[in-house]
PDB file of N, CA and C in Angstrom:
ATOM      1  N   MET A   1      12.739 -20.983 -36.657  1.00  0.00           N
ATOM      2  CA  MET A   1      11.804 -19.861 -35.922  1.00  0.00           C
ATOM      3  C   MET A   1      12.128 -18.268 -36.372  1.00  0.00           C
ATOM      4  N   PRO A   2      11.040 -17.633 -36.551  1.00  0.00           N
ATOM      5  CA  PRO A   2      11.331 -16.252 -36.881  1.00  0.00           C
ATOM      6  C   PRO A   2      11.829 -15.712 -35.770  1.00  0.00           C
ATOM      7  N   LYS A   3      12.343 -14.274 -35.878  1.00  0.00           N
ATOM      8  CA  LYS A   3      12.868 -13.338 -35.160  1.00  0.00           C
ATOM      9  C   LYS A   3      11.410 -12.772 -34.330  1.00  0.00           C
ATOM     10  N   LEU A   4      11.577 -12.520 -33.099  1.00  0.00           N
ATOM     11  CA  LEU A   4      10.575 -11.809 -32.356  1.00  0.00           C
ATOM     12  C   LEU A   4      10.784 -10.347 -32.644  1.00  0.00           C
ATOM     13  N   LYS A   5       9.640  -9.495 -32.891  1.00  0.00           N
ATOM     14  CA  LYS A   5       9.610  -7.943 -32.790  1.00  0.00           C
ATOM     15  C   LYS A   5       9.573  -7.245 -31.660  1.00  0.00           C
ATOM     16  N   THR A   6      10.428  -6.202 -31.776  1.00  0.00           N
ATOM     17  CA  THR A   6      10.466  -5.503 -30.452  1.00  0.00           C
ATOM     18  C   THR A   6       9.150  -4.517 -30.710  1.00  0.00           C
ATOM     19  N   HIS A   7       8.506  -4.112 -29.564  1.00  0.00           N
ATOM     20  CA  HIS A   7       7.460  -3.111 -29.643  1.00  0.00           C
ATOM     21  C   HIS A   7       8.050  -1.706 -29.490  1.00  0.00           C
ATOM     22  N   LYS A   8       7.852  -1.104 -30.517  1.00  0.00           N
ATOM     23  CA  LYS A   8       8.906   0.246 -30.547  1.00  0.00           C
ATOM     24  C   LYS A   8       8.303   1.383 -29.564  1.00  0.00           C
ATOM     25  N   GLY A   9       7.020   1.267 -29.383  1.00  0.00           N
ATOM     26  CA  GLY A   9       6.361   2.334 -28.461  1.00  0.00           C
ATOM     27  C   GLY A   9       6.963   2.027 -26.918  1.00  0.00           C
ATOM     28  N   ALA A  10       6.956   0.659 -26.767  1.00  0.00           N
ATOM     29  CA  ALA A  10       7.527   0.228 -25.384  1.00  0.00           C
ATOM     30  C   ALA A  10       8.894   0.470 -25.069  1.00  0.00           C
ATOM     31  N   ALA A  11       9.650   0.280 -26.419  1.00  0.00           N
ATOM     32  CA  ALA A  11      11.101   0.301 -26.179  1.00  0.00           C
ATOM     33  C   ALA A  11      11.570   1.821 -26.003  1.00  0.00           C
ATOM     34  N   ALA A  12      10.720   2.828 -26.450  1.00  0.00           N
ATOM     35  CA  ALA A  12      11.091   4.152 -26.221  1.00  0.00           C
ATOM     36  C   ALA A  12      10.686   4.662 -24.823  1.00  0.00           C
ATOM     37  N   ARG A  13       9.767   3.868 -24.060  1.00  0.00           N
ATOM     38  CA  ARG A  13       9.309   4.267 -22.609  1.00  0.00           C
ATOM     39  C   ARG A  13      10.073   3.462 -21.509  1.00  0.00           C
ATOM     40  N   PHE A  14      10.674   2.402 -21.651  1.00  0.00           N
ATOM     41  CA  PHE A  14      10.935   1.419 -20.664  1.00  0.00           C
ATOM     42  C   PHE A  14      12.699   0.919 -20.863  1.00  0.00           C
ATOM     43  N   LYS A  15      13.159   0.948 -20.024  1.00  0.00           N
ATOM     44  CA  LYS A  15      14.450   0.369 -20.099  1.00  0.00           C
ATOM     45  C   LYS A  15      14.513  -0.630 -18.847  1.00  0.00           C
ATOM     46  N   PHE A  16      15.420  -1.797 -18.890  1.00  0.00           N
ATOM     47  CA  PHE A  16      15.713  -2.511 -17.968  1.00  0.00           C
ATOM     48  C   PHE A  16      17.240  -2.423 -17.285  1.00  0.00           C
ATOM     49  N   THR A  17      17.094  -2.328 -16.166  1.00  0.00           N
ATOM     50  CA  THR A  17      18.765  -2.639 -15.504  1.00  0.00           C
ATOM     51  C   THR A  17      19.351  -3.624 -15.537  1.00  0.00           C
ATOM     52  N   LYS A  18      20.693  -3.667 -15.204  1.00  0.00           N
ATOM     53  CA  LYS A  18      21.386  -5.056 -15.372  1.00  0.00           C
ATOM     54  C   LYS A  18      20.942  -6.075 -14.502  1.00  0.00           C
ATOM     55  N   THR A  19      20.171  -5.663 -13.341  1.00  0.00           N
ATOM     56  CA  THR A  19      19.427  -6.611 -12.162  1.00  0.00           C
ATOM     57  C   THR A  19      18.213  -6.891 -12.722  1.00  0.00           C
ATOM     58  N   GLY A  20      17.671  -6.477 -13.836  1.00  0.00           N
ATOM     59  CA  GLY A  20      16.293  -6.866 -14.242  1.00  0.00           C
ATOM     60  C   GLY A  20      15.153  -6.027 -13.872  1.00  0.00           C
ATOM     61  N   LYS A  21      15.448  -4.901 -13.176  1.00  0.00           N
ATOM     62  CA  LYS A  21      14.524  -4.085 -12.503  1.00  0.00           C
ATOM     63  C   LYS A  21      14.129  -3.141 -13.803  1.00  0.00           C
ATOM     64  N   LEU A  22      12.845  -2.660 -13.947  1.00  0.00           N
ATOM     65  CA  LEU A  22      12.253  -1.918 -14.926  1.00  0.00           C
ATOM     66  C   LEU A  22      12.415  -0.603 -14.510  1.00  0.00           C
ATOM     67  N   LEU A  23      12.726   0.259 -15.422  1.00  0.00           N
ATOM     68  CA  LEU A  23      12.862   1.776 -15.357  1.00  0.00           C
ATOM     69  C   LEU A  23      11.914   2.427 -16.215  1.00  0.00           C
ATOM     70  N   ARG A  24      11.337   3.326 -15.815  1.00  0.00           N
ATOM     71  CA  ARG A  24      10.486   4.382 -16.664  1.00  0.00           C
ATOM     72  C   ARG A  24      10.529   5.756 -16.250  1.00  0.00           C
ATOM     73  N   MET A  25      10.054   6.646 -17.221  1.00  0.00           N
ATOM     74  CA  MET A  25       9.843   8.111 -16.706  1.00  0.00           C
ATOM     75  C   MET A  25       8.681   8.404 -16.061  1.00  0.00           C
ATOM     76  N   LYS A  26       8.647   9.506 -15.226  1.00  0.00           N
ATOM     77  CA  LYS A  26       7.362  10.014 -14.563  1.00  0.00           C
ATOM     78  C   LYS A  26       6.421  10.379 -15.564  1.00  0.00           C
ATOM     79  N   GLY A  27       5.108  10.300 -14.905  1.00  0.00           N
ATOM     80  CA  GLY A  27       4.258  10.923 -15.900  1.00  0.00           C
ATOM     81  C   GLY A  27       3.650  12.314 -15.749  1.00  0.00           C
ATOM     82  N   ARG A  28       2.850  12.696 -16.351  1.00  0.00           N
ATOM     83  CA  ARG A  28       2.256  14.104 -16.313  1.00  0.00           C
ATOM     84  C   ARG A  28       3.280  15.240 -16.878  1.00  0.00           C
ATOM     85  N   GLN A  29       3.774  14.677 -17.812  1.00  0.00           N
ATOM     86  CA  GLN A  29       4.715  15.634 -18.350  1.00  0.00           C
ATOM     87  C   GLN A  29       4.256  16.241 -19.902  1.00  0.00           C
ATOM     88  N   GLY A  30       3.174  15.991 -20.273  1.00  0.00           N
ATOM     89  CA  GLY A  30       2.905  16.376 -21.638  1.00  0.00           C
ATOM     90  C   GLY A  30       2.564  17.818 -22.040  1.00  0.00           C
ATOM     91  N   HIS A  31       2.094  18.467 -20.831  1.00  0.00           N
ATOM     92  CA  HIS A  31       1.738  19.888 -21.221  1.00  0.00           C
ATOM     93  C   HIS A  31       1.483  20.597 -20.007  1.00  0.00           C
ATOM     94  N   PHE A  32       1.275  21.828 -19.921  1.00  0.00           N
ATOM     95  CA  PHE A  32       0.884  22.690 -18.658  1.00  0.00           C
ATOM     96  C   PHE A  32       2.300  22.786 -17.711  1.00  0.00           C
ATOM     97  N   ARG A  33       3.236  22.747 -18.602  1.00  0.00           N
ATOM     98  CA  ARG A  33       4.576  23.060 -17.685  1.00  0.00           C
ATOM     99  C   ARG A  33       4.773  24.222 -16.952  1.00  0.00           C
ATOM    100  N   ARG A  34       3.937  25.258 -17.434  1.00  0.00           N
ATOM    101  CA  ARG A  34       4.251  26.646 -17.307  1.00  0.00           C
ATOM    102  C   ARG A  34       3.825  26.924 -15.730  1.00  0.00           C
ATOM    103  N   ARG A  35       2.540  26.211 -15.498  1.00  0.00           N
ATOM    104  CA  ARG A  35       2.256  26.496 -14.079  1.00  0.00           C
ATOM    105  C   ARG A  35       2.871  25.649 -12.998  1.00  0.00           C
ATOM    106  N   LYS A  36       3.698  24.722 -13.245  1.00  0.00           N
ATOM    107  CA  LYS A  36       4.329  23.907 -12.382  1.00  0.00           C
ATOM    108  C   LYS A  36       5.581  24.528 -11.913  1.00  0.00           C
ATOM    109  N   PRO A  37       5.726  24.262 -10.520  1.00  0.00           N
ATOM    110  CA  PRO A  37       7.136  24.921  -9.892  1.00  0.00           C
ATOM    111  C   PRO A  37       8.455  24.272 -10.517  1.00  0.00           C
ATOM    112  N   LYS A  38       9.503  24.773 -10.310  1.00  0.00           N
ATOM    113  CA  LYS A  38      10.583  24.370 -10.883  1.00  0.00           C
ATOM    114  C   LYS A  38      11.223  22.986 -10.246  1.00  0.00           C
ATOM    115  N   ARG A  39      10.805  22.789  -8.977  1.00  0.00           N
ATOM    116  CA  ARG A  39      11.008  21.931  -8.306  1.00  0.00           C
ATOM    117  C   ARG A  39      10.410  20.410  -8.859  1.00  0.00           C
ATOM    118  N   VAL A  40       9.015  20.386  -9.262  1.00  0.00           N
ATOM    119  CA  VAL A  40       8.460  19.605  -9.652  1.00  0.00           C
ATOM    120  C   VAL A  40       8.755  19.245 -11.069  1.00  0.00           C
ATOM    121  N   LYS A  41       9.362  20.347 -11.812  1.00  0.00           N
ATOM    122  CA  LYS A  41       9.739  19.795 -13.278  1.00  0.00           C
ATOM    123  C   LYS A  41      11.015  19.193 -13.125  1.00  0.00           C
ATOM    124  N   ARG A  42      12.024  19.449 -12.359  1.00  0.00           N
ATOM    125  CA  ARG A  42      13.196  18.929 -12.062  1.00  0.00           C
ATOM    126  C   ARG A  42      12.998  17.466 -11.650  1.00  0.00           C
ATOM    127  N   GLN A  43      12.127  17.255 -10.591  1.00  0.00           N
ATOM    128  CA  GLN A  43      11.782  15.772 -10.329  1.00  0.00           C
ATOM    129  C   GLN A  43      11.071  14.996 -11.268  1.00  0.00           C
ATOM    130  N   MET A  44      10.216  15.820 -12.290  1.00  0.00           N
ATOM    131  CA  MET A  44       9.785  14.832 -13.307  1.00  0.00           C
ATOM    132  C   MET A  44      10.927  14.579 -14.563  1.00  0.00           C
ATOM    133  N   ARG A  45      11.942  14.976 -14.355  1.00  0.00           N
ATOM    134  CA  ARG A  45      13.039  14.521 -15.440  1.00  0.00           C
ATOM    135  C   ARG A  45      13.751  13.157 -14.991  1.00  0.00           C
ATOM    136  N   GLN A  46      13.619  12.720 -13.718  1.00  0.00           N
ATOM    137  CA  GLN A  46      14.256  11.564 -13.222  1.00  0.00           C
ATOM    138  C   GLN A  46      13.282  10.507 -13.571  1.00  0.00           C
ATOM    139  N   THR A  47      14.240   9.300 -13.710  1.00  0.00           N
ATOM    140  CA  THR A  47      13.493   7.957 -13.951  1.00  0.00           C
ATOM    141  C   THR A  47      13.082   7.235 -12.547  1.00  0.00           C
ATOM    142  N   MET A  48      12.354   6.404 -12.599  1.00  0.00           N
ATOM    143  CA  MET A  48      11.740   5.799 -11.496  1.00  0.00           C
ATOM    144  C   MET A  48      11.653   4.173 -11.609  1.00  0.00           C
ATOM    145  N   ALA A  49      11.512   3.584 -10.901  1.00  0.00           N
ATOM    146  CA  ALA A  49      11.551   2.048 -10.718  1.00  0.00           C
ATOM    147  C   ALA A  49      10.050   1.987 -11.191  1.00  0.00           C
ATOM    148  N   GLY A  50       9.706   0.821 -12.226  1.00  0.00           N
ATOM    149  CA  GLY A  50       8.285   0.531 -12.457  1.00  0.00           C
ATOM    150  C   GLY A  50       7.984  -0.806 -11.659  1.00  0.00           C
ATOM    151  N   SER A  51       6.685  -1.178 -11.430  1.00  0.00           N
ATOM    152  CA  SER A  51       6.465  -2.280 -10.551  1.00  0.00           C
ATOM    153  C   SER A  51       6.646  -3.486 -11.227  1.00  0.00           C
ATOM    154  N   ALA A  52       6.810  -4.744 -10.271  1.00  0.00           N
ATOM    155  CA  ALA A  52       7.026  -5.877 -10.746  1.00  0.00           C
ATOM    156  C   ALA A  52       6.231  -6.614 -11.769  1.00  0.00           C
ATOM    157  N   SER A  53       4.814  -6.191 -11.114  1.00  0.00           N
ATOM    158  CA  SER A  53       3.802  -6.914 -12.308  1.00  0.00           C
ATOM    159  C   SER A  53       3.650  -6.270 -13.776  1.00  0.00           C
ATOM    160  N   ASP A  54       4.020  -4.697 -13.774  1.00  0.00           N
ATOM    161  CA  ASP A  54       4.458  -4.193 -15.071  1.00  0.00           C
ATOM    162  C   ASP A  54       5.588  -4.624 -15.854  1.00  0.00           C
ATOM    163  N   ALA A  55       6.522  -4.947 -15.066  1.00  0.00           N
ATOM    164  CA  ALA A  55       7.751  -5.566 -15.691  1.00  0.00           C
ATOM    165  C   ALA A  55       7.733  -6.835 -16.438  1.00  0.00           C
ATOM    166  N   LYS A  56       6.820  -7.544 -16.040  1.00  0.00           N
ATOM    167  CA  LYS A  56       6.125  -8.767 -16.668  1.00  0.00           C
ATOM    168  C   LYS A  56       5.685  -8.611 -18.054  1.00  0.00           C
ATOM    169  N   ASN A  57       4.841  -7.671 -17.930  1.00  0.00           N
ATOM    170  CA  ASN A  57       4.366  -7.388 -19.241  1.00  0.00           C
ATOM    171  C   ASN A  57       5.036  -6.770 -20.222  1.00  0.00           C
ATOM    172  N   VAL A  58       6.048  -5.946 -19.690  1.00  0.00           N
ATOM    173  CA  VAL A  58       6.709  -5.148 -20.631  1.00  0.00           C
ATOM    174  C   VAL A  58       7.810  -6.000 -21.449  1.00  0.00           C
ATOM    175  N   ARG A  59       8.205  -7.318 -20.645  1.00  0.00           N
ATOM    176  CA  ARG A  59       9.174  -8.106 -21.024  1.00  0.00           C
ATOM    177  C   ARG A  59       8.663  -8.823 -22.185  1.00  0.00           C
ATOM    178  N   ALA A  60       7.210  -9.117 -22.083  1.00  0.00           N
ATOM    179  CA  ALA A  60       6.693  -9.662 -23.236  1.00  0.00           C
ATOM    180  C   ALA A  60       6.707  -9.076 -24.491  1.00  0.00           C
ATOM    181  N   VAL A  61       6.844  -7.576 -24.540  1.00  0.00           N
ATOM    182  CA  VAL A  61       6.911  -6.818 -25.578  1.00  0.00           C
ATOM    183  C   VAL A  61       8.073  -6.335 -26.066  1.00  0.00           C
ATOM    184  N   LEU A  62       9.188  -6.581 -25.260  1.00  0.00           N
ATOM    185  CA  LEU A  62      10.521  -6.260 -25.330  1.00  0.00           C
ATOM    186  C   LEU A  62      11.327  -7.596 -25.323  1.00  0.00           C
ATOM    187  N   PRO A  63      11.344  -8.538 -26.164  1.00  0.00           N
ATOM    188  CA  PRO A  63      12.111  -9.903 -26.048  1.00  0.00           C
ATOM    189  C   PRO A  63      13.429  -9.740 -26.069  1.00  0.00           C
ATOM    190  N   TYR A  64      14.164  -8.707 -26.839  1.00  0.00           N
ATOM    191  CA  TYR A  64      15.869  -8.434 -26.273  1.00  0.00           C
ATOM    192  C   TYR A  64      16.060  -7.418 -25.521  1.00  0.00           C
ATOM    193  N   GLY A  65      15.200  -6.694 -24.771  1.00  0.00           N
ATOM    194  CA  GLY A  65      15.416  -5.767 -23.813  1.00  0.00           C
ATOM    195  C   GLY A  65      15.833  -6.068 -22.557  1.00  0.00           C
ATOM    196  N   SER A  66      15.496  -7.140 -22.118  1.00  0.00           N
ATOM    197  CA  SER A  66      15.465  -7.460 -20.590  1.00  0.00           C
ATOM    198  C   SER A  66      16.607  -8.850 -20.616  1.00  0.00           C
ATOM    199  N   THR A  67      17.399  -8.392 -19.359  1.00  0.00           N
ATOM    200  CA  THR A  67      18.389  -9.330 -19.093  1.00  0.00           C
ATOM    201  C   THR A  67      18.087 -10.720 -18.413  1.00  0.00           C
ATOM    202  N   LYS A  68      17.034 -10.423 -17.745  1.00  0.00           N
ATOM    203  CA  LYS A  68      16.355 -11.693 -17.233  1.00  0.00           C
ATOM    204  C   LYS A  68      15.072 -12.030 -17.604  1.00  0.00           C
TER     205      LYS A  68
END
């Protein structure tokens, strides 16, 4: 059986914790940062947990990235 390929776009955007939860970065960071307050920019740097339904789809494209 051939090796499964990892989707590199998903690998750059998502990570799984040891317990199997999905971690993702917050959105709306592309541009227009000058007009955002410092507090908002600081909060956007933090990762947040993804939903369980999204985790199922991400696991399909990251065959070696998830523990569960």
